[in-house]
Amino acid sequence: MATPNETFAQSLLHLAHPNDEAEATRIYKEKVAYRPIDFRKLTASNTKSTDARTRRRELRLAKKLKKASSKPSSKPKPLSAREKRALGVYDIPKEAQKYEIYEPLNKLWIGYVHEILKGTFGNNGTAGQATAAKLCAADFHGCEVEVVRNRCPSRVGVKGIVVKDTKMTFVIITRKNEIKHIPKEYSVFRFEIPWPDTAKEGAEPIVLELHGSNFMFRAAERMNKKFKAKAMDDL
């Protein structure tokens, strides 16, 4: 029988071997005494699956539950290019397709180009490298341009105010309130800049030409772009 000073394990061993006290003592000393048991490891091994596929599935479910319980973002998801086209985000509405609406924009553009080109023209109206460099980085929204050369003869002679300056095209509104999409590639555009000097009132405006094939960049990307002269043999 077990004595009051015996441990619970010894009591159980004596109950299992009631007729052999020496055997119960031997088992206790060899297999039980001084052997600590990590109950935390036992608990983790019981709850954690040993199957890799099951563990991956449990991990996926845990991520989904965490994502579902998290607070939804207040930031709206940006529209894709297809959604923008379907909604007509960049389309000019019918009521805004009037030439007189953009005439004040043309006057603003003339003041803007006078400011950036100040002091770059010669006395006879000639333009140098400084003029060309500043014009290459300029914004052409509001500039009145005319197509003077193009591979498509029907586009030659189209004249109007630039209402949209994209990477590949100039979107122009004509005096007949027509919207024209003119590709920059293989096109030469002519535009005029009146003299800013009041002393030159009545003088002929400065006439410049823009080669669209060398100008296929977005307006925002042209600010720090270094342009190089290219041959235009394909026109």
C-alpha atoms as a PDB file:
ATOM      1  CA  MET A   1       0.000   0.000   0.000  1.00  0.00           C
ATOM      2  CA  ALA A   2       1.116   3.535  -0.573  1.00  0.00           C
ATOM      3  CA  THR A   3       2.324   5.585   2.398  1.00  0.00           C
ATOM      4  CA  PRO A   4       1.308   9.266   3.030  1.00  0.00           C
ATOM      5  CA  ASN A   5       4.799  10.466   1.971  1.00  0.00           C
ATOM      6  CA  GLU A   6       4.566   8.819  -1.475  1.00  0.00           C
ATOM      7  CA  THR A   7       3.796  10.896  -4.570  1.00  0.00           C
ATOM      8  CA  PHE A   8       0.675  10.434  -6.620  1.00  0.00           C
ATOM      9  CA  ALA A   9       2.661   8.620  -9.333  1.00  0.00           C
ATOM     10  CA  GLN A  10       4.066   6.169  -6.782  1.00  0.00           C
ATOM     11  CA  SER A  11       0.587   5.505  -5.462  1.00  0.00           C
ATOM     12  CA  LEU A  12      -0.647   4.680  -8.939  1.00  0.00           C
ATOM     13  CA  LEU A  13       2.295   2.356  -9.551  1.00  0.00           C
ATOM     14  CA  HIS A  14       1.657   0.488  -6.266  1.00  0.00           C
ATOM     15  CA  LEU A  15      -1.962   0.082  -7.279  1.00  0.00           C
ATOM     16  CA  ALA A  16      -0.850  -1.316 -10.653  1.00  0.00           C
ATOM     17  CA  HIS A  17       1.631  -3.708  -9.014  1.00  0.00           C
ATOM     18  CA  PRO A  18       0.092  -4.582  -5.628  1.00  0.00           C
ATOM     19  CA  ASN A  19       2.114  -7.799  -5.176  1.00  0.00           C
ATOM     20  CA  ASP A  20       5.511  -6.474  -6.372  1.00  0.00           C
ATOM     21  CA  GLU A  21       6.565  -3.360  -4.515  1.00  0.00           C
ATOM     22  CA  ALA A  22      10.125  -3.604  -5.830  1.00  0.00           C
ATOM     23  CA  GLU A  23       8.903  -3.501  -9.438  1.00  0.00           C
ATOM     24  CA  ALA A  24       6.762  -0.406  -8.769  1.00  0.00           C
ATOM     25  CA  THR A  25       9.726   1.360  -7.156  1.00  0.00           C
ATOM     26  CA  ARG A  26      12.007   0.447 -10.088  1.00  0.00           C
ATOM     27  CA  ILE A  27       9.549   1.795 -12.686  1.00  0.00           C
ATOM     28  CA  TYR A  28       9.127   5.012 -10.715  1.00  0.00           C
ATOM     29  CA  LYS A  29      12.879   5.628 -10.415  1.00  0.00           C
ATOM     30  CA  GLU A  30      13.727   4.726 -14.032  1.00  0.00           C
ATOM     31  CA  LYS A  31      10.792   6.168 -15.972  1.00  0.00           C
ATOM     32  CA  VAL A  32       8.984   8.723 -13.814  1.00  0.00           C
ATOM     33  CA  ALA A  33      11.253  10.408 -11.296  1.00  0.00           C
ATOM     34  CA  TYR A  34      13.183  13.542 -12.381  1.00  0.00           C
ATOM     35  CA  ARG A  35      11.550  13.622 -15.852  1.00  0.00           C
ATOM     36  CA  PRO A  36       9.737  16.965 -16.385  1.00  0.00           C
ATOM     37  CA  ILE A  37       6.757  17.064 -18.760  1.00  0.00           C
ATOM     38  CA  ASP A  38       6.174  20.158 -20.936  1.00  0.00           C
ATOM     39  CA  PHE A  39       2.395  20.468 -20.936  1.00  0.00           C
ATOM     40  CA  ARG A  40       2.538  23.436 -23.353  1.00  0.00           C
ATOM     41  CA  LYS A  41       4.159  21.284 -26.031  1.00  0.00           C
ATOM     42  CA  LEU A  42       1.618  18.559 -25.477  1.00  0.00           C
ATOM     43  CA  THR A  43      -1.253  21.052 -25.854  1.00  0.00           C
ATOM     44  CA  ALA A  44       0.226  22.509 -29.079  1.00  0.00           C
ATOM     45  CA  SER A  45       0.811  19.059 -30.565  1.00  0.00           C
ATOM     46  CA  ASN A  46      -2.773  18.093 -29.841  1.00  0.00           C
ATOM     47  CA  THR A  47      -4.283  21.194 -31.479  1.00  0.00           C
ATOM     48  CA  LYS A  48      -1.875  21.626 -34.390  1.00  0.00           C
ATOM     49  CA  SER A  49      -2.390  19.352 -37.372  1.00  0.00           C
ATOM     50  CA  THR A  50       0.591  17.409 -38.665  1.00  0.00           C
ATOM     51  CA  ASP A  51      -0.831  17.362 -42.209  1.00  0.00           C
ATOM     52  CA  ALA A  52       0.808  20.093 -44.333  1.00  0.00           C
ATOM     53  CA  ARG A  53      -2.240  20.452 -46.597  1.00  0.00           C
ATOM     54  CA  THR A  54      -4.532  20.908 -43.581  1.00  0.00           C
ATOM     55  CA  ARG A  55      -2.180  23.493 -42.081  1.00  0.00           C
ATOM     56  CA  ARG A  56      -2.170  25.502 -45.321  1.00  0.00           C
ATOM     57  CA  ARG A  57      -5.974  25.419 -45.468  1.00  0.00           C
ATOM     58  CA  GLU A  58      -6.216  26.538 -41.853  1.00  0.00           C
ATOM     59  CA  LEU A  59      -3.777  29.371 -42.549  1.00  0.00           C
ATOM     60  CA  ARG A  60      -5.841  30.556 -45.540  1.00  0.00           C
ATOM     61  CA  LEU A  61      -9.026  30.474 -43.480  1.00  0.00           C
ATOM     62  CA  ALA A  62      -7.347  32.422 -40.690  1.00  0.00           C
ATOM     63  CA  LYS A  63      -6.231  35.123 -43.160  1.00  0.00           C
ATOM     64  CA  LYS A  64      -9.739  35.383 -44.621  1.00  0.00           C
ATOM     65  CA  LEU A  65     -11.256  35.728 -41.170  1.00  0.00           C
ATOM     66  CA  LYS A  66      -8.729  38.382 -40.222  1.00  0.00           C
ATOM     67  CA  LYS A  67      -9.389  40.315 -43.439  1.00  0.00           C
ATOM     68  CA  ALA A  68     -13.148  40.083 -42.969  1.00  0.00           C
ATOM     69  CA  SER A  69     -12.958  41.284 -39.384  1.00  0.00           C
ATOM     70  CA  SER A  70     -10.606  44.168 -40.170  1.00  0.00           C
ATOM     71  CA  LYS A  71     -12.010  47.677 -40.737  1.00  0.00           C
ATOM     72  CA  PRO A  72     -12.742  48.344 -44.421  1.00  0.00           C
ATOM     73  CA  SER A  73     -10.599  51.020 -46.083  1.00  0.00           C
ATOM     74  CA  SER A  74     -12.265  54.395 -46.592  1.00  0.00           C
ATOM     75  CA  LYS A  75     -10.081  55.075 -49.647  1.00  0.00           C
ATOM     76  CA  PRO A  76     -12.002  54.348 -52.868  1.00  0.00           C
ATOM     77  CA  LYS A  77     -10.539  51.913 -55.363  1.00  0.00           C
ATOM     78  CA  PRO A  78      -9.152  53.706 -58.450  1.00  0.00           C
ATOM     79  CA  LEU A  79     -10.922  53.181 -61.749  1.00  0.00           C
ATOM     80  CA  SER A  80      -9.298  51.007 -64.379  1.00  0.00           C
ATOM     81  CA  ALA A  81      -8.620  52.294 -67.902  1.00  0.00           C
ATOM     82  CA  ARG A  82     -11.580  50.282 -69.222  1.00  0.00           C
ATOM     83  CA  GLU A  83     -13.913  51.758 -66.606  1.00  0.00           C
ATOM     84  CA  LYS A  84     -12.716  55.282 -67.407  1.00  0.00           C
ATOM     85  CA  ARG A  85     -13.451  54.736 -71.096  1.00  0.00           C
ATOM     86  CA  ALA A  86     -16.885  53.293 -70.323  1.00  0.00           C
ATOM     87  CA  LEU A  87     -17.777  56.236 -68.080  1.00  0.00           C
ATOM     88  CA  GLY A  88     -16.352  58.787 -70.531  1.00  0.00           C
ATOM     89  CA  VAL A  89     -14.155  60.418 -67.886  1.00  0.00           C
ATOM     90  CA  TYR A  90     -11.940  62.129 -70.456  1.00  0.00           C
ATOM     91  CA  ASP A  91     -14.635  62.827 -73.042  1.00  0.00           C
ATOM     92  CA  ILE A  92     -15.602  66.432 -73.703  1.00  0.00           C
ATOM     93  CA  PRO A  93     -19.352  66.813 -73.082  1.00  0.00           C
ATOM     94  CA  LYS A  94     -21.534  67.993 -75.941  1.00  0.00           C
ATOM     95  CA  GLU A  95     -22.435  71.285 -74.268  1.00  0.00           C
ATOM     96  CA  ALA A  96     -18.706  72.111 -73.886  1.00  0.00           C
ATOM     97  CA  GLN A  97     -17.892  71.583 -77.569  1.00  0.00           C
ATOM     98  CA  LYS A  98     -18.031  75.268 -78.462  1.00  0.00           C
ATOM     99  CA  TYR A  99     -15.098  77.274 -79.822  1.00  0.00           C
ATOM    100  CA  GLU A 100     -15.989  80.485 -77.949  1.00  0.00           C
ATOM    101  CA  ILE A 101     -15.673  78.686 -74.611  1.00  0.00           C
ATOM    102  CA  TYR A 102     -11.952  78.128 -75.242  1.00  0.00           C
ATOM    103  CA  GLU A 103     -11.061  81.569 -76.638  1.00  0.00           C
ATOM    104  CA  PRO A 104     -10.228  82.909 -73.122  1.00  0.00           C
ATOM    105  CA  LEU A 105      -8.007  79.840 -72.666  1.00  0.00           C
ATOM    106  CA  ASN A 106      -6.137  80.808 -75.842  1.00  0.00           C
ATOM    107  CA  LYS A 107      -5.536  84.318 -74.447  1.00  0.00           C
ATOM    108  CA  LEU A 108      -4.218  82.800 -71.212  1.00  0.00           C
ATOM    109  CA  TRP A 109      -1.882  80.549 -73.200  1.00  0.00           C
ATOM    110  CA  ILE A 110      -0.484  83.561 -75.125  1.00  0.00           C
ATOM    111  CA  GLY A 111       0.314  85.287 -71.826  1.00  0.00           C
ATOM    112  CA  TYR A 112       1.869  82.074 -70.510  1.00  0.00           C
ATOM    113  CA  VAL A 113       4.099  81.573 -73.567  1.00  0.00           C
ATOM    114  CA  HIS A 114       5.157  85.253 -73.499  1.00  0.00           C
ATOM    115  CA  GLU A 115       6.341  84.731 -69.943  1.00  0.00           C
ATOM    116  CA  ILE A 116       8.358  81.568 -70.574  1.00  0.00           C
ATOM    117  CA  LEU A 117       9.893  82.832 -73.860  1.00  0.00           C
ATOM    118  CA  LYS A 118      10.753  86.300 -72.609  1.00  0.00           C
ATOM    119  CA  GLY A 119      14.127  87.419 -74.010  1.00  0.00           C
ATOM    120  CA  THR A 120      14.713  84.340 -76.184  1.00  0.00           C
ATOM    121  CA  PHE A 121      13.712  85.858 -79.568  1.00  0.00           C
ATOM    122  CA  GLY A 122      15.988  87.989 -81.705  1.00  0.00           C
ATOM    123  CA  ASN A 123      15.052  91.468 -82.887  1.00  0.00           C
ATOM    124  CA  ASN A 124      13.952  90.094 -86.247  1.00  0.00           C
ATOM    125  CA  GLY A 125      11.793  87.397 -84.694  1.00  0.00           C
ATOM    126  CA  THR A 126      14.244  84.546 -85.136  1.00  0.00           C
ATOM    127  CA  ALA A 127      14.162  81.685 -82.644  1.00  0.00           C
ATOM    128  CA  GLY A 128      17.302  80.029 -81.296  1.00  0.00           C
ATOM    129  CA  GLN A 129      18.113  76.948 -79.230  1.00  0.00           C
ATOM    130  CA  ALA A 130      16.845  78.576 -76.024  1.00  0.00           C
ATOM    131  CA  THR A 131      13.443  79.195 -77.606  1.00  0.00           C
ATOM    132  CA  ALA A 132      13.234  75.630 -78.914  1.00  0.00           C
ATOM    133  CA  ALA A 133      14.189  74.140 -75.528  1.00  0.00           C
ATOM    134  CA  LYS A 134      11.520  76.134 -73.671  1.00  0.00           C
ATOM    135  CA  LEU A 135       8.830  75.385 -76.236  1.00  0.00           C
ATOM    136  CA  CYS A 136       9.595  71.660 -76.025  1.00  0.00           C
ATOM    137  CA  ALA A 137       8.822  71.728 -72.304  1.00  0.00           C
ATOM    138  CA  ALA A 138       5.769  74.007 -72.640  1.00  0.00           C
ATOM    139  CA  ASP A 139       2.129  73.076 -72.156  1.00  0.00           C
ATOM    140  CA  PHE A 140       0.053  73.466 -75.325  1.00  0.00           C
ATOM    141  CA  HIS A 141      -3.438  73.419 -73.804  1.00  0.00           C
ATOM    142  CA  GLY A 142      -5.024  76.564 -75.250  1.00  0.00           C
ATOM    143  CA  CYS A 143      -2.625  77.003 -78.156  1.00  0.00           C
ATOM    144  CA  GLU A 144      -4.230  77.599 -81.554  1.00  0.00           C
ATOM    145  CA  VAL A 145      -2.521  75.278 -84.032  1.00  0.00           C
ATOM    146  CA  GLU A 146      -2.923  74.441 -87.709  1.00  0.00           C
ATOM    147  CA  VAL A 147      -1.968  71.152 -89.366  1.00  0.00           C
ATOM    148  CA  VAL A 148       0.331  72.030 -92.274  1.00  0.00           C
ATOM    149  CA  ARG A 149       1.730  68.581 -93.064  1.00  0.00           C
ATOM    150  CA  ASN A 150       0.314  65.119 -92.524  1.00  0.00           C
ATOM    151  CA  ARG A 151       0.310  61.745 -94.245  1.00  0.00           C
ATOM    152  CA  CYS A 152      -3.481  61.970 -94.396  1.00  0.00           C
ATOM    153  CA  PRO A 153      -4.379  64.834 -96.794  1.00  0.00           C
ATOM    154  CA  SER A 154      -7.805  65.354 -95.192  1.00  0.00           C
ATOM    155  CA  ARG A 155      -6.142  66.481 -91.943  1.00  0.00           C
ATOM    156  CA  VAL A 156      -4.056  69.210 -93.597  1.00  0.00           C
ATOM    157  CA  GLY A 157      -5.579  72.627 -92.973  1.00  0.00           C
ATOM    158  CA  VAL A 158      -7.385  71.684 -89.747  1.00  0.00           C
ATOM    159  CA  LYS A 159      -7.063  74.635 -87.390  1.00  0.00           C
ATOM    160  CA  GLY A 160      -8.312  75.166 -83.869  1.00  0.00           C
ATOM    161  CA  ILE A 161      -7.507  75.457 -80.165  1.00  0.00           C
ATOM    162  CA  VAL A 162      -5.880  72.536 -78.364  1.00  0.00           C
ATOM    163  CA  VAL A 163      -8.287  71.367 -75.664  1.00  0.00           C
ATOM    164  CA  LYS A 164      -6.390  68.178 -74.818  1.00  0.00           C
ATOM    165  CA  ASP A 165      -2.658  67.498 -75.169  1.00  0.00           C
ATOM    166  CA  THR A 166      -2.124  63.742 -74.806  1.00  0.00           C
ATOM    167  CA  LYS A 167       0.942  61.623 -75.438  1.00  0.00           C
ATOM    168  CA  MET A 168      -0.021  60.665 -78.994  1.00  0.00           C
ATOM    169  CA  THR A 169      -2.574  63.275 -80.096  1.00  0.00           C
ATOM    170  CA  PHE A 170      -3.699  66.879 -80.052  1.00  0.00           C
ATOM    171  CA  VAL A 171      -7.462  67.165 -79.514  1.00  0.00           C
ATOM    172  CA  ILE A 172      -8.527  70.355 -81.304  1.00  0.00           C
ATOM    173  CA  ILE A 173     -11.799  72.275 -81.417  1.00  0.00           C
ATOM    174  CA  THR A 174     -12.343  74.191 -84.656  1.00  0.00           C
ATOM    175  CA  ARG A 175     -14.314  77.388 -85.279  1.00  0.00           C
ATOM    176  CA  LYS A 176     -17.151  75.175 -86.565  1.00  0.00           C
ATOM    177  CA  ASN A 177     -17.397  73.615 -83.061  1.00  0.00           C
ATOM    178  CA  GLU A 178     -15.985  70.301 -84.263  1.00  0.00           C
ATOM    179  CA  ILE A 179     -13.690  68.116 -82.164  1.00  0.00           C
ATOM    180  CA  LYS A 180     -10.728  66.753 -84.134  1.00  0.00           C
ATOM    181  CA  HIS A 181      -8.245  64.145 -82.878  1.00  0.00           C
ATOM    182  CA  ILE A 182      -4.981  64.779 -84.739  1.00  0.00           C
ATOM    183  CA  PRO A 183      -2.178  62.238 -84.172  1.00  0.00           C
ATOM    184  CA  LYS A 184       1.190  63.816 -83.480  1.00  0.00           C
ATOM    185  CA  GLU A 185       3.073  61.187 -85.432  1.00  0.00           C
ATOM    186  CA  TYR A 186       3.870  62.233 -89.025  1.00  0.00           C
ATOM    187  CA  SER A 187       2.285  65.656 -88.412  1.00  0.00           C
ATOM    188  CA  VAL A 188       3.642  69.212 -88.507  1.00  0.00           C
ATOM    189  CA  PHE A 189       1.705  71.861 -86.586  1.00  0.00           C
ATOM    190  CA  ARG A 190       2.029  75.609 -87.128  1.00  0.00           C
ATOM    191  CA  PHE A 191       1.185  78.172 -84.462  1.00  0.00           C
ATOM    192  CA  GLU A 192       1.648  81.918 -84.057  1.00  0.00           C
ATOM    193  CA  ILE A 193       2.842  83.980 -81.112  1.00  0.00           C
ATOM    194  CA  PRO A 194       2.056  87.735 -81.190  1.00  0.00           C
ATOM    195  CA  TRP A 195       4.843  90.089 -80.178  1.00  0.00           C
ATOM    196  CA  PRO A 196       4.631  90.861 -76.445  1.00  0.00           C
ATOM    197  CA  ASP A 197       6.241  94.290 -76.942  1.00  0.00           C
ATOM    198  CA  THR A 198       3.798  97.167 -77.177  1.00  0.00           C
ATOM    199  CA  ALA A 199       6.396  98.950 -79.366  1.00  0.00           C
ATOM    200  CA  LYS A 200       5.887  96.230 -81.965  1.00  0.00           C
ATOM    201  CA  GLU A 201       2.121  96.629 -82.210  1.00  0.00           C
ATOM    202  CA  GLY A 202       0.931  95.905 -85.709  1.00  0.00           C
ATOM    203  CA  ALA A 203       4.023  93.788 -86.453  1.00  0.00           C
ATOM    204  CA  GLU A 204       3.659  90.337 -87.956  1.00  0.00           C
ATOM    205  CA  PRO A 205       3.357  87.559 -85.331  1.00  0.00           C
ATOM    206  CA  ILE A 206       6.137  85.039 -84.770  1.00  0.00           C
ATOM    207  CA  VAL A 207       5.310  81.869 -86.718  1.00  0.00           C
ATOM    208  CA  LEU A 208       6.691  78.545 -85.458  1.00  0.00           C
ATOM    209  CA  GLU A 209       6.275  74.924 -86.520  1.00  0.00           C
ATOM    210  CA  LEU A 210       6.110  71.887 -84.270  1.00  0.00           C
ATOM    211  CA  HIS A 211       7.083  68.394 -85.486  1.00  0.00           C
ATOM    212  CA  GLY A 212       4.695  66.057 -83.737  1.00  0.00           C
ATOM    213  CA  SER A 213       6.802  62.912 -84.190  1.00  0.00           C
ATOM    214  CA  ASN A 214       9.428  64.455 -81.893  1.00  0.00           C
ATOM    215  CA  PHE A 215       6.781  65.614 -79.448  1.00  0.00           C
ATOM    216  CA  MET A 216       5.053  62.369 -78.412  1.00  0.00           C
ATOM    217  CA  PHE A 217       5.183  62.905 -74.660  1.00  0.00           C
ATOM    218  CA  ARG A 218       2.579  63.872 -72.092  1.00  0.00           C
ATOM    219  CA  ALA A 219       2.598  67.497 -70.998  1.00  0.00           C
ATOM    220  CA  ALA A 220       3.652  66.555 -67.447  1.00  0.00           C
ATOM    221  CA  GLU A 221       6.555  64.427 -68.739  1.00  0.00           C
ATOM    222  CA  ARG A 222       8.028  67.173 -70.928  1.00  0.00           C
ATOM    223  CA  MET A 223       9.150  69.390 -68.059  1.00  0.00           C
ATOM    224  CA  ASN A 224      12.421  67.525 -67.432  1.00  0.00           C
ATOM    225  CA  LYS A 225      12.775  65.920 -70.859  1.00  0.00           C
ATOM    226  CA  LYS A 226      15.890  66.682 -72.905  1.00  0.00           C
ATOM    227  CA  PHE A 227      14.945  66.792 -76.570  1.00  0.00           C
ATOM    228  CA  LYS A 228      17.331  66.019 -79.384  1.00  0.00           C
ATOM    229  CA  ALA A 229      17.061  67.041 -83.019  1.00  0.00           C
ATOM    230  CA  LYS A 230      15.832  64.214 -85.250  1.00  0.00           C
ATOM    231  CA  ALA A 231      15.566  63.902 -89.005  1.00  0.00           C
ATOM    232  CA  MET A 232      12.015  63.917 -90.384  1.00  0.00           C
ATOM    233  CA  ASP A 233      12.601  62.032 -93.622  1.00  0.00           C
ATOM    234  CA  ASP A 234       9.355  60.080 -93.262  1.00  0.00           C
ATOM    235  CA  LEU A 235       7.170  63.159 -93.853  1.00  0.00           C
END
